[in-house]
PDB file of N, CA and C in Angstrom:
ATOM      1  N   VAL A   1     312.071 -34.968 176.634  1.00  0.00           N
ATOM      2  CA  VAL A   1     313.194 -34.988 175.726  1.00  0.00           C
ATOM      3  C   VAL A   1     312.929 -34.063 174.539  1.00  0.00           C
ATOM      4  N   ALA A   2     311.725 -34.083 173.987  1.00  0.00           N
ATOM      5  CA  ALA A   2     311.416 -33.208 172.855  1.00  0.00           C
ATOM      6  C   ALA A   2     311.517 -31.751 173.267  1.00  0.00           C
ATOM      7  N   GLY A   3     311.050 -31.434 174.463  1.00  0.00           N
ATOM      8  CA  GLY A   3     311.154 -30.061 174.956  1.00  0.00           C
ATOM      9  C   GLY A   3     312.597 -29.619 175.056  1.00  0.00           C
ATOM     10  N   ALA A   4     313.472 -30.497 175.526  1.00  0.00           N
ATOM     11  CA  ALA A   4     314.903 -30.172 175.620  1.00  0.00           C
ATOM     12  C   ALA A   4     315.498 -29.961 174.238  1.00  0.00           C
ATOM     13  N   ALA A   5     315.100 -30.784 173.273  1.00  0.00           N
ATOM     14  CA  ALA A   5     315.598 -30.624 171.911  1.00  0.00           C
ATOM     15  C   ALA A   5     315.181 -29.275 171.348  1.00  0.00           C
ATOM     16  N   LEU A   6     313.948 -28.868 171.663  1.00  0.00           N
ATOM     17  CA  LEU A   6     313.455 -27.592 171.162  1.00  0.00           C
ATOM     18  C   LEU A   6     314.088 -26.398 171.876  1.00  0.00           C
ATOM     19  N   GLN A   7     314.794 -26.636 172.945  1.00  0.00           N
ATOM     20  CA  GLN A   7     315.512 -25.574 173.650  1.00  0.00           C
ATOM     21  C   GLN A   7     317.004 -25.620 173.364  1.00  0.00           C
ATOM     22  N   SER A   8     317.424 -26.485 172.470  1.00  0.00           N
ATOM     23  CA  SER A   8     318.840 -26.702 172.200  1.00  0.00           C
ATOM     24  C   SER A   8     319.468 -25.639 171.308  1.00  0.00           C
ATOM     25  N   GLY A   9     318.651 -24.898 170.572  1.00  0.00           N
ATOM     26  CA  GLY A   9     319.197 -23.938 169.641  1.00  0.00           C
ATOM     27  C   GLY A   9     319.662 -24.555 168.339  1.00  0.00           C
ATOM     28  N   LYS A  10     319.315 -25.814 168.108  1.00  0.00           N
ATOM     29  CA  LYS A  10     319.712 -26.520 166.891  1.00  0.00           C
ATOM     30  C   LYS A  10     318.470 -26.916 166.098  1.00  0.00           C
ATOM     31  N   PRO A  11     318.614 -27.177 164.797  1.00  0.00           N
ATOM     32  CA  PRO A  11     317.469 -27.699 164.038  1.00  0.00           C
ATOM     33  C   PRO A  11     316.981 -29.006 164.671  1.00  0.00           C
ATOM     34  N   VAL A  12     315.677 -29.222 164.613  1.00  0.00           N
ATOM     35  CA  VAL A  12     315.079 -30.375 165.295  1.00  0.00           C
ATOM     36  C   VAL A  12     314.131 -31.112 164.348  1.00  0.00           C
ATOM     37  N   LEU A  13     314.186 -32.424 164.387  1.00  0.00           N
ATOM     38  CA  LEU A  13     313.233 -33.282 163.697  1.00  0.00           C
ATOM     39  C   LEU A  13     312.493 -34.074 164.774  1.00  0.00           C
ATOM     40  N   LEU A  14     311.168 -33.974 164.794  1.00  0.00           N
ATOM     41  CA  LEU A  14     310.363 -34.689 165.783  1.00  0.00           C
ATOM     42  C   LEU A  14     309.528 -35.757 165.095  1.00  0.00           C
ATOM     43  N   ASP A  15     309.564 -36.958 165.651  1.00  0.00           N
ATOM     44  CA  ASP A  15     308.852 -38.091 165.087  1.00  0.00           C
ATOM     45  C   ASP A  15     308.380 -38.982 166.227  1.00  0.00           C
ATOM     46  N   ALA A  16     307.469 -39.862 165.929  1.00  0.00           N
ATOM     47  CA  ALA A  16     307.047 -40.957 166.816  1.00  0.00           C
ATOM     48  C   ALA A  16     306.704 -40.476 168.218  1.00  0.00           C
ATOM     49  N   ASP A  17     307.370 -41.011 169.235  1.00  0.00           N
ATOM     50  CA  ASP A  17     307.040 -40.701 170.626  1.00  0.00           C
ATOM     51  C   ASP A  17     307.254 -39.232 170.965  1.00  0.00           C
ATOM     52  N   ALA A  18     308.169 -38.566 170.274  1.00  0.00           N
ATOM     53  CA  ALA A  18     308.364 -37.138 170.511  1.00  0.00           C
ATOM     54  C   ALA A  18     307.094 -36.367 170.170  1.00  0.00           C
ATOM     55  N   LEU A  19     306.352 -36.817 169.183  1.00  0.00           N
ATOM     56  CA  LEU A  19     305.082 -36.191 168.830  1.00  0.00           C
ATOM     57  C   LEU A  19     303.964 -36.678 169.743  1.00  0.00           C
ATOM     58  N   THR A  20     303.931 -37.962 170.004  1.00  0.00           N
ATOM     59  CA  THR A  20     302.887 -38.543 170.846  1.00  0.00           C
ATOM     60  C   THR A  20     302.911 -37.936 172.242  1.00  0.00           C
ATOM     61  N   ALA A  21     304.075 -37.532 172.712  1.00  0.00           N
ATOM     62  CA  ALA A  21     304.193 -36.920 174.034  1.00  0.00           C
ATOM     63  C   ALA A  21     303.351 -35.646 174.149  1.00  0.00           C
ATOM     64  N   PHE A  22     303.027 -35.023 173.032  1.00  0.00           N
ATOM     65  CA  PHE A  22     302.242 -33.792 173.047  1.00  0.00           C
ATOM     66  C   PHE A  22     300.788 -34.009 172.652  1.00  0.00           C
ATOM     67  N   ALA A  23     300.351 -35.245 172.544  1.00  0.00           N
ATOM     68  CA  ALA A  23     298.981 -35.545 172.100  1.00  0.00           C
ATOM     69  C   ALA A  23     297.931 -34.912 173.009  1.00  0.00           C
ATOM     70  N   ASP A  24     298.213 -34.807 174.315  1.00  0.00           N
ATOM     71  CA  ASP A  24     297.247 -34.216 175.237  1.00  0.00           C
ATOM     72  C   ASP A  24     297.283 -32.694 175.230  1.00  0.00           C
ATOM     73  N   ASP A  25     298.343 -32.103 174.676  1.00  0.00           N
ATOM     74  CA  ASP A  25     298.467 -30.648 174.656  1.00  0.00           C
ATOM     75  C   ASP A  25     299.237 -30.191 173.420  1.00  0.00           C
ATOM     76  N   PRO A  26     298.653 -30.364 172.231  1.00  0.00           N
ATOM     77  CA  PRO A  26     299.356 -29.967 171.012  1.00  0.00           C
ATOM     78  C   PRO A  26     299.650 -28.469 170.955  1.00  0.00           C
ATOM     79  N   ALA A  27     298.865 -27.666 171.656  1.00  0.00           N
ATOM     80  CA  ALA A  27     299.130 -26.222 171.681  1.00  0.00           C
ATOM     81  C   ALA A  27     300.473 -25.933 172.343  1.00  0.00           C
ATOM     82  N   HIS A  28     300.840 -26.736 173.319  1.00  0.00           N
ATOM     83  CA  HIS A  28     302.150 -26.581 173.970  1.00  0.00           C
ATOM     84  C   HIS A  28     303.280 -26.850 172.975  1.00  0.00           C
ATOM     85  N   LEU A  29     303.115 -27.872 172.173  1.00  0.00           N
ATOM     86  CA  LEU A  29     304.104 -28.164 171.129  1.00  0.00           C
ATOM     87  C   LEU A  29     304.216 -26.977 170.177  1.00  0.00           C
ATOM     88  N   ALA A  30     303.088 -26.427 169.760  1.00  0.00           N
ATOM     89  CA  ALA A  30     303.107 -25.284 168.849  1.00  0.00           C
ATOM     90  C   ALA A  30     303.833 -24.096 169.478  1.00  0.00           C
ATOM     91  N   ARG A  31     303.603 -23.843 170.756  1.00  0.00           N
ATOM     92  CA  ARG A  31     304.298 -22.734 171.437  1.00  0.00           C
ATOM     93  C   ARG A  31     305.801 -22.961 171.459  1.00  0.00           C
ATOM     94  N   LEU A  32     306.217 -24.186 171.768  1.00  0.00           N
ATOM     95  CA  LEU A  32     307.648 -24.493 171.791  1.00  0.00           C
ATOM     96  C   LEU A  32     308.282 -24.311 170.414  1.00  0.00           C
ATOM     97  N   ILE A  33     307.576 -24.737 169.386  1.00  0.00           N
ATOM     98  CA  ILE A  33     308.099 -24.611 168.027  1.00  0.00           C
ATOM     99  C   ILE A  33     308.221 -23.138 167.641  1.00  0.00           C
ATOM    100  N   ARG A  34     307.212 -22.350 167.952  1.00  0.00           N
ATOM    101  CA  ARG A  34     307.244 -20.933 167.583  1.00  0.00           C
ATOM    102  C   ARG A  34     308.385 -20.188 168.279  1.00  0.00           C
ATOM    103  N   ARG A  35     308.750 -20.618 169.476  1.00  0.00           N
ATOM    104  CA  ARG A  35     309.852 -19.971 170.204  1.00  0.00           C
ATOM    105  C   ARG A  35     311.217 -20.439 169.722  1.00  0.00           C
ATOM    106  N   HIS A  36     311.265 -21.549 169.024  1.00  0.00           N
ATOM    107  CA  HIS A  36     312.530 -22.129 168.555  1.00  0.00           C
ATOM    108  C   HIS A  36     312.992 -21.354 167.325  1.00  0.00           C
ATOM    109  N   ASP A  37     314.228 -20.873 167.332  1.00  0.00           N
ATOM    110  CA  ASP A  37     314.675 -20.028 166.230  1.00  0.00           C
ATOM    111  C   ASP A  37     315.389 -20.789 165.114  1.00  0.00           C
ATOM    112  N   ARG A  38     315.292 -22.086 165.116  1.00  0.00           N
ATOM    113  CA  ARG A  38     315.870 -22.937 164.071  1.00  0.00           C
ATOM    114  C   ARG A  38     314.746 -23.754 163.429  1.00  0.00           C
ATOM    115  N   PRO A  39     315.016 -24.350 162.276  1.00  0.00           N
ATOM    116  CA  PRO A  39     313.975 -25.167 161.636  1.00  0.00           C
ATOM    117  C   PRO A  39     313.534 -26.344 162.508  1.00  0.00           C
ATOM    118  N   VAL A  40     312.249 -26.604 162.477  1.00  0.00           N
ATOM    119  CA  VAL A  40     311.665 -27.763 163.165  1.00  0.00           C
ATOM    120  C   VAL A  40     310.848 -28.530 162.129  1.00  0.00           C
ATOM    121  N   ILE A  41     311.108 -29.804 162.020  1.00  0.00           N
ATOM    122  CA  ILE A  41     310.391 -30.669 161.076  1.00  0.00           C
ATOM    123  C   ILE A  41     309.608 -31.702 161.871  1.00  0.00           C
ATOM    124  N   LEU A  42     308.328 -31.815 161.568  1.00  0.00           N
ATOM    125  CA  LEU A  42     307.471 -32.845 162.165  1.00  0.00           C
ATOM    126  C   LEU A  42     307.217 -33.903 161.105  1.00  0.00           C
ATOM    127  N   THR A  43     307.342 -35.175 161.491  1.00  0.00           N
ATOM    128  CA  THR A  43     307.120 -36.260 160.531  1.00  0.00           C
ATOM    129  C   THR A  43     306.099 -37.264 161.069  1.00  0.00           C
ATOM    130  N   PRO A  44     304.874 -36.803 161.330  1.00  0.00           N
ATOM    131  CA  PRO A  44     303.878 -37.727 161.875  1.00  0.00           C
ATOM    132  C   PRO A  44     303.299 -38.651 160.810  1.00  0.00           C
ATOM    133  N   HIS A  45     303.005 -39.889 161.232  1.00  0.00           N
ATOM    134  CA  HIS A  45     302.174 -40.725 160.372  1.00  0.00           C
ATOM    135  C   HIS A  45     300.725 -40.308 160.619  1.00  0.00           C
ATOM    136  N   ASP A  46     299.801 -40.882 159.898  1.00  0.00           N
ATOM    137  CA  ASP A  46     298.407 -40.427 159.980  1.00  0.00           C
ATOM    138  C   ASP A  46     297.838 -40.468 161.395  1.00  0.00           C
ATOM    139  N   GLY A  47     298.162 -41.506 162.167  1.00  0.00           N
ATOM    140  CA  GLY A  47     297.650 -41.605 163.534  1.00  0.00           C
ATOM    141  C   GLY A  47     298.206 -40.521 164.442  1.00  0.00           C
ATOM    142  N   GLU A  48     299.498 -40.270 164.343  1.00  0.00           N
ATOM    143  CA  GLU A  48     300.120 -39.210 165.150  1.00  0.00           C
ATOM    144  C   GLU A  48     299.559 -37.842 164.742  1.00  0.00           C
ATOM    145  N   PHE A  49     299.394 -37.636 163.449  1.00  0.00           N
ATOM    146  CA  PHE A  49     298.837 -36.380 162.962  1.00  0.00           C
ATOM    147  C   PHE A  49     297.438 -36.179 163.538  1.00  0.00           C
ATOM    148  N   ALA A  50     296.621 -37.208 163.516  1.00  0.00           N
ATOM    149  CA  ALA A  50     295.252 -37.108 164.032  1.00  0.00           C
ATOM    150  C   ALA A  50     295.233 -36.802 165.520  1.00  0.00           C
ATOM    151  N   ARG A  51     296.189 -37.314 166.283  1.00  0.00           N
ATOM    152  CA  ARG A  51     296.250 -37.015 167.716  1.00  0.00           C
ATOM    153  C   ARG A  51     296.658 -35.560 167.966  1.00  0.00           C
ATOM    154  N   LEU A  52     297.545 -35.033 167.135  1.00  0.00           N
ATOM    155  CA  LEU A  52     298.000 -33.656 167.309  1.00  0.00           C
ATOM    156  C   LEU A  52     297.022 -32.627 166.750  1.00  0.00           C
ATOM    157  N   PHE A  53     296.341 -32.981 165.679  1.00  0.00           N
ATOM    158  CA  PHE A  53     295.440 -32.052 164.993  1.00  0.00           C
ATOM    159  C   PHE A  53     294.098 -32.730 164.731  1.00  0.00           C
ATOM    160  N   PRO A  54     293.370 -33.097 165.791  1.00  0.00           N
ATOM    161  CA  PRO A  54     292.150 -33.889 165.620  1.00  0.00           C
ATOM    162  C   PRO A  54     291.042 -33.160 164.856  1.00  0.00           C
ATOM    163  N   ASP A  55     291.093 -31.847 164.806  1.00  0.00           N
ATOM    164  CA  ASP A  55     290.033 -31.101 164.145  1.00  0.00           C
ATOM    165  C   ASP A  55     290.283 -30.872 162.663  1.00  0.00           C
ATOM    166  N   LEU A  56     291.443 -31.270 162.150  1.00  0.00           N
ATOM    167  CA  LEU A  56     291.742 -31.051 160.736  1.00  0.00           C
ATOM    168  C   LEU A  56     291.256 -32.217 159.889  1.00  0.00           C
ATOM    169  N   ALA A  57     290.550 -31.875 158.834  1.00  0.00           N
ATOM    170  CA  ALA A  57     290.036 -32.893 157.916  1.00  0.00           C
ATOM    171  C   ALA A  57     290.314 -32.439 156.498  1.00  0.00           C
ATOM    172  N   GLY A  58     290.052 -33.301 155.563  1.00  0.00           N
ATOM    173  CA  GLY A  58     290.256 -32.956 154.163  1.00  0.00           C
ATOM    174  C   GLY A  58     291.477 -33.643 153.612  1.00  0.00           C
ATOM    175  N   ASN A  59     291.953 -33.132 152.501  1.00  0.00           N
ATOM    176  CA  ASN A  59     293.073 -33.812 151.864  1.00  0.00           C
ATOM    177  C   ASN A  59     294.372 -33.560 152.634  1.00  0.00           C
ATOM    178  N   ARG A  60     295.312 -34.420 152.423  1.00  0.00           N
ATOM    179  CA  ARG A  60     296.566 -34.427 153.182  1.00  0.00           C
ATOM    180  C   ARG A  60     297.345 -33.124 153.032  1.00  0.00           C
ATOM    181  N   LEU A  61     297.413 -32.577 151.836  1.00  0.00           N
ATOM    182  CA  LEU A  61     298.166 -31.347 151.616  1.00  0.00           C
ATOM    183  C   LEU A  61     297.556 -30.185 152.393  1.00  0.00           C
ATOM    184  N   LEU A  62     296.245 -30.037 152.330  1.00  0.00           N
ATOM    185  CA  LEU A  62     295.587 -28.945 153.053  1.00  0.00           C
ATOM    186  C   LEU A  62     295.745 -29.091 154.561  1.00  0.00           C
ATOM    187  N   ARG A  63     295.650 -30.333 155.053  1.00  0.00           N
ATOM    188  CA  ARG A  63     295.842 -30.559 156.493  1.00  0.00           C
ATOM    189  C   ARG A  63     297.269 -30.212 156.903  1.00  0.00           C
ATOM    190  N   ALA A  64     298.242 -30.594 156.092  1.00  0.00           N
ATOM    191  CA  ALA A  64     299.640 -30.294 156.396  1.00  0.00           C
ATOM    192  C   ALA A  64     299.891 -28.794 156.387  1.00  0.00           C
ATOM    193  N   GLN A  65     299.305 -28.095 155.430  1.00  0.00           N
ATOM    194  CA  GLN A  65     299.485 -26.645 155.367  1.00  0.00           C
ATOM    195  C   GLN A  65     298.881 -25.965 156.590  1.00  0.00           C
ATOM    196  N   GLU A  66     297.712 -26.399 157.010  1.00  0.00           N
ATOM    197  CA  GLU A  66     297.081 -25.820 158.189  1.00  0.00           C
ATOM    198  C   GLU A  66     297.883 -26.138 159.454  1.00  0.00           C
ATOM    199  N   ALA A  67     298.375 -27.358 159.572  1.00  0.00           N
ATOM    200  CA  ALA A  67     299.192 -27.733 160.724  1.00  0.00           C
ATOM    201  C   ALA A  67     300.465 -26.889 160.767  1.00  0.00           C
ATOM    202  N   ALA A  68     301.081 -26.666 159.615  1.00  0.00           N
ATOM    203  CA  ALA A  68     302.284 -25.833 159.549  1.00  0.00           C
ATOM    204  C   ALA A  68     301.986 -24.399 159.952  1.00  0.00           C
ATOM    205  N   ALA A  69     300.847 -23.884 159.511  1.00  0.00           N
ATOM    206  CA  ALA A  69     300.466 -22.525 159.887  1.00  0.00           C
ATOM    207  C   ALA A  69     300.247 -22.404 161.394  1.00  0.00           C
ATOM    208  N   ARG A  70     299.650 -23.424 161.994  1.00  0.00           N
ATOM    209  CA  ARG A  70     299.405 -23.398 163.439  1.00  0.00           C
ATOM    210  C   ARG A  70     300.682 -23.472 164.251  1.00  0.00           C
ATOM    211  N   THR A  71     301.615 -24.265 163.797  1.00  0.00           N
ATOM    212  CA  THR A  71     302.819 -24.491 164.594  1.00  0.00           C
ATOM    213  C   THR A  71     303.960 -23.545 164.238  1.00  0.00           C
ATOM    214  N   GLY A  72     303.831 -22.871 163.112  1.00  0.00           N
ATOM    215  CA  GLY A  72     304.900 -21.954 162.707  1.00  0.00           C
ATOM    216  C   GLY A  72     306.006 -22.671 162.023  1.00  0.00           C
TER     217      GLY A  72
END
């Protein structure tokens, strides 16, 4: 479902299970986001964020900035 939303040509907000669906392949999510020509907003809680970006540590702002840079 998240993949279809990212192919819709409309702005997309991804949360909860839409994010968890990419926990095994966060790079795939990043590729889909980079190809999407509309705004994409991710709203993970700390657990979802850790599943998508397990290698990011430090303060919340720096982690968010790095995640944004990775996903575009």
